[in-house]
């Protein structure tokens, strides 16, 4: 099985932290190296697709 490594320090442990990007309107989830802190990925804090689907249903809009 492949084992992910940090591109900066080759460490193999990662953490996730909720961050508020500067000038951003909502929070993001940052996946970063547990040793050096290099960010290796970003994700939406919430399941945006499900939120949009619920809003569309509530407004009787077909998407």
Protein backbone atom coordinates (compact mmCIF):
# COMPACT_ATOMS: atom_id res chain seq x y z
CA UNK A 1 0.00 0.00 0.00
CA UNK A 2 1.21 3.50 -0.78
CA UNK A 3 2.13 5.61 2.23
CA UNK A 4 1.71 9.37 1.79
CA UNK A 5 4.72 11.53 2.58
CA UNK A 6 5.11 15.23 3.18
CA UNK A 7 6.66 16.85 0.08
CA UNK A 8 8.81 19.08 2.30
CA UNK A 9 10.23 16.78 5.00
CA UNK A 10 9.11 13.21 4.04
CA UNK A 11 7.25 12.78 7.35
CA UNK A 12 4.29 10.37 7.17
CA UNK A 13 1.89 11.75 9.78
CA UNK A 14 -0.71 14.40 9.02
CA UNK A 15 -3.23 16.48 10.93
CA UNK A 16 -6.25 18.54 9.95
CA UNK A 17 -7.01 22.03 11.21
CA UNK A 18 -9.94 24.35 10.65
CA UNK A 19 -8.65 27.65 9.26
CA UNK A 20 -10.15 30.98 8.20
CA UNK A 21 -8.44 32.17 5.01
CA UNK A 22 -7.66 35.89 4.86
CA UNK A 23 -10.49 37.73 3.06
CA UNK A 24 -12.48 34.47 3.03
CA UNK A 25 -16.17 34.20 3.80
CA UNK A 26 -16.06 30.72 5.32
CA UNK A 27 -13.71 28.27 7.01
CA UNK A 28 -11.66 25.57 5.29
CA UNK A 29 -10.13 22.32 6.49
CA UNK A 30 -6.34 22.25 5.98
CA UNK A 31 -4.50 18.92 5.95
CA UNK A 32 -0.91 19.52 7.02
CA UNK A 33 2.25 17.67 8.02
CA UNK A 34 2.35 16.96 11.76
CA UNK A 35 6.11 17.61 11.85
CA UNK A 36 6.82 20.70 9.72
CA UNK A 37 3.29 22.12 9.19
CA UNK A 38 3.43 22.15 5.37
CA UNK A 39 -0.12 22.21 3.99
CA UNK A 40 -0.67 19.29 1.62
CA UNK A 41 -4.39 19.70 0.95
CA UNK A 42 -7.49 21.79 1.50
CA UNK A 43 -11.15 20.81 1.73
CA UNK A 44 -14.46 22.53 2.35
CA UNK A 45 -15.40 22.50 5.99
CA UNK A 46 -18.96 21.48 5.13
CA UNK A 47 -20.46 19.15 2.54
CA UNK A 48 -21.35 21.92 0.10
CA UNK A 49 -23.08 19.60 -2.37
CA UNK A 50 -25.57 18.41 0.23
CA UNK A 51 -26.15 21.96 1.42
CA UNK A 52 -26.96 23.12 -2.13
CA UNK A 53 -29.30 20.16 -2.65
CA UNK A 54 -31.18 20.99 0.58
CA UNK A 55 -31.46 24.66 -0.38
CA UNK A 56 -32.74 23.77 -3.84
CA UNK A 57 -35.36 21.44 -2.40
CA UNK A 58 -36.43 24.07 0.13
CA UNK A 59 -36.83 26.63 -2.68
CA UNK A 60 -38.53 24.12 -5.02
CA UNK A 61 -35.73 24.49 -7.59
CA UNK A 62 -34.75 21.58 -9.80
CA UNK A 63 -31.01 21.09 -10.17
